[in-house]
């Protein structure tokens, strides 16, 4: 139950950040179950703006919380601007 709840909260927080900072944008959520891991990718195509830049520079509480949830399970976390524009969050949660 712990990993599933963490995955849910990571997706929820990433989408909340998209709503707050991406402006007029679309977001996608990809969930991949592997034999040994649960992979999450949440991306938006928003332009962001000063608000988004400030949140990224400060680390934002949402990003810190997502990073801590992933670290709790010994996973990997990555968040930042996409090369094609927008913002992307990736999390890999190992399944034991």
Protein backbone atom coordinates (compact mmCIF):
# COMPACT_ATOMS: atom_id res chain seq x y z
CA UNK A 1 0.00 0.00 0.00
CA UNK A 2 2.88 2.42 0.72
CA UNK A 3 4.30 2.54 -2.78
CA UNK A 4 0.87 2.90 -4.33
CA UNK A 5 0.01 5.80 -2.03
CA UNK A 6 3.36 7.46 -2.73
CA UNK A 7 2.82 7.07 -6.48
CA UNK A 8 -0.65 8.60 -6.18
CA UNK A 9 0.66 11.56 -4.18
CA UNK A 10 3.54 12.15 -6.61
CA UNK A 11 1.13 12.28 -9.55
CA UNK A 12 -1.24 14.50 -7.58
CA UNK A 13 1.49 16.97 -6.64
CA UNK A 14 2.99 17.08 -10.14
CA UNK A 15 -0.43 17.82 -11.65
CA UNK A 16 -1.09 20.46 -9.00
CA UNK A 17 2.22 22.11 -9.92
CA UNK A 18 1.20 22.05 -13.59
CA UNK A 19 -2.07 23.78 -12.76
CA UNK A 20 -0.29 26.43 -10.68
CA UNK A 21 2.70 27.15 -12.90
CA UNK A 22 2.28 25.92 -16.49
CA UNK A 23 -0.31 28.41 -17.66
CA UNK A 24 -2.49 27.27 -20.55
CA UNK A 25 -1.09 23.77 -20.94
CA UNK A 26 -1.82 20.09 -21.33
CA UNK A 27 -0.43 17.47 -18.99
CA UNK A 28 0.16 13.78 -19.51
CA UNK A 29 0.63 11.03 -16.95
CA UNK A 30 2.39 7.78 -17.81
CA UNK A 31 2.46 4.87 -15.40
CA UNK A 32 4.56 1.82 -16.25
CA UNK A 33 4.58 -1.33 -14.18
CA UNK A 34 7.73 -3.38 -14.61
CA UNK A 35 8.71 -6.62 -12.89
CA UNK A 36 10.88 -4.74 -10.40
CA UNK A 37 9.67 -1.14 -10.50
CA UNK A 38 6.86 1.35 -10.90
CA UNK A 39 7.77 4.22 -13.24
CA UNK A 40 5.95 7.54 -13.31
CA UNK A 41 6.29 10.38 -15.79
CA UNK A 42 4.18 13.52 -15.50
CA UNK A 43 4.81 16.18 -18.12
CA UNK A 44 3.19 19.39 -19.27
CA UNK A 45 3.72 21.50 -22.35
CA UNK A 46 3.27 24.85 -20.60
CA UNK A 47 5.39 27.90 -21.08
CA UNK A 48 5.55 28.53 -17.35
CA UNK A 49 6.66 32.04 -16.56
CA UNK A 50 8.10 33.97 -13.66
CA UNK A 51 6.02 31.93 -11.20
CA UNK A 52 7.32 28.64 -12.58
CA UNK A 53 10.91 29.88 -12.69
CA UNK A 54 10.70 31.00 -9.05
CA UNK A 55 9.22 27.66 -7.97
CA UNK A 56 11.95 25.74 -9.81
CA UNK A 57 14.73 27.93 -8.41
CA UNK A 58 13.49 27.53 -4.84
CA UNK A 59 12.93 23.81 -5.21
CA UNK A 60 9.33 24.29 -4.12
CA UNK A 61 7.82 22.25 -1.30
CA UNK A 62 6.06 20.02 -3.81
CA UNK A 63 9.30 18.97 -5.50
CA UNK A 64 10.96 18.35 -2.14
CA UNK A 65 8.02 16.22 -1.01
CA UNK A 66 8.07 14.16 -4.21
CA UNK A 67 11.83 13.66 -3.91
CA UNK A 68 11.44 12.53 -0.28
CA UNK A 69 8.68 10.05 -1.16
CA UNK A 70 10.88 8.47 -3.82
CA UNK A 71 13.96 8.41 -1.54
CA UNK A 72 11.96 6.59 1.12
CA UNK A 73 11.85 3.57 -1.21
CA UNK A 74 15.37 3.93 -2.58
CA UNK A 75 14.11 5.11 -5.98
CA UNK A 76 15.19 7.74 -8.47
CA UNK A 77 13.64 11.18 -8.97
CA UNK A 78 14.19 13.77 -11.64
CA UNK A 79 12.34 17.01 -12.33
CA UNK A 80 13.01 19.93 -14.60
CA UNK A 81 12.29 21.70 -17.81
CA UNK A 82 11.87 19.51 -20.87
CA UNK A 83 14.10 20.15 -23.90
CA UNK A 84 10.93 20.53 -25.97
CA UNK A 85 9.39 22.99 -23.49
CA UNK A 86 7.22 22.48 -20.46
CA UNK A 87 8.14 20.67 -17.29
CA UNK A 88 8.60 16.97 -16.56
CA UNK A 89 8.69 14.89 -13.38
CA UNK A 90 10.04 11.33 -13.46
CA UNK A 91 10.01 8.88 -10.59
CA UNK A 92 11.14 5.28 -10.38
CA UNK A 93 9.92 3.34 -7.35
CA UNK A 94 11.50 -0.10 -6.86
CA UNK A 95 9.11 -2.93 -6.09
CA UNK A 96 10.49 -5.44 -3.66
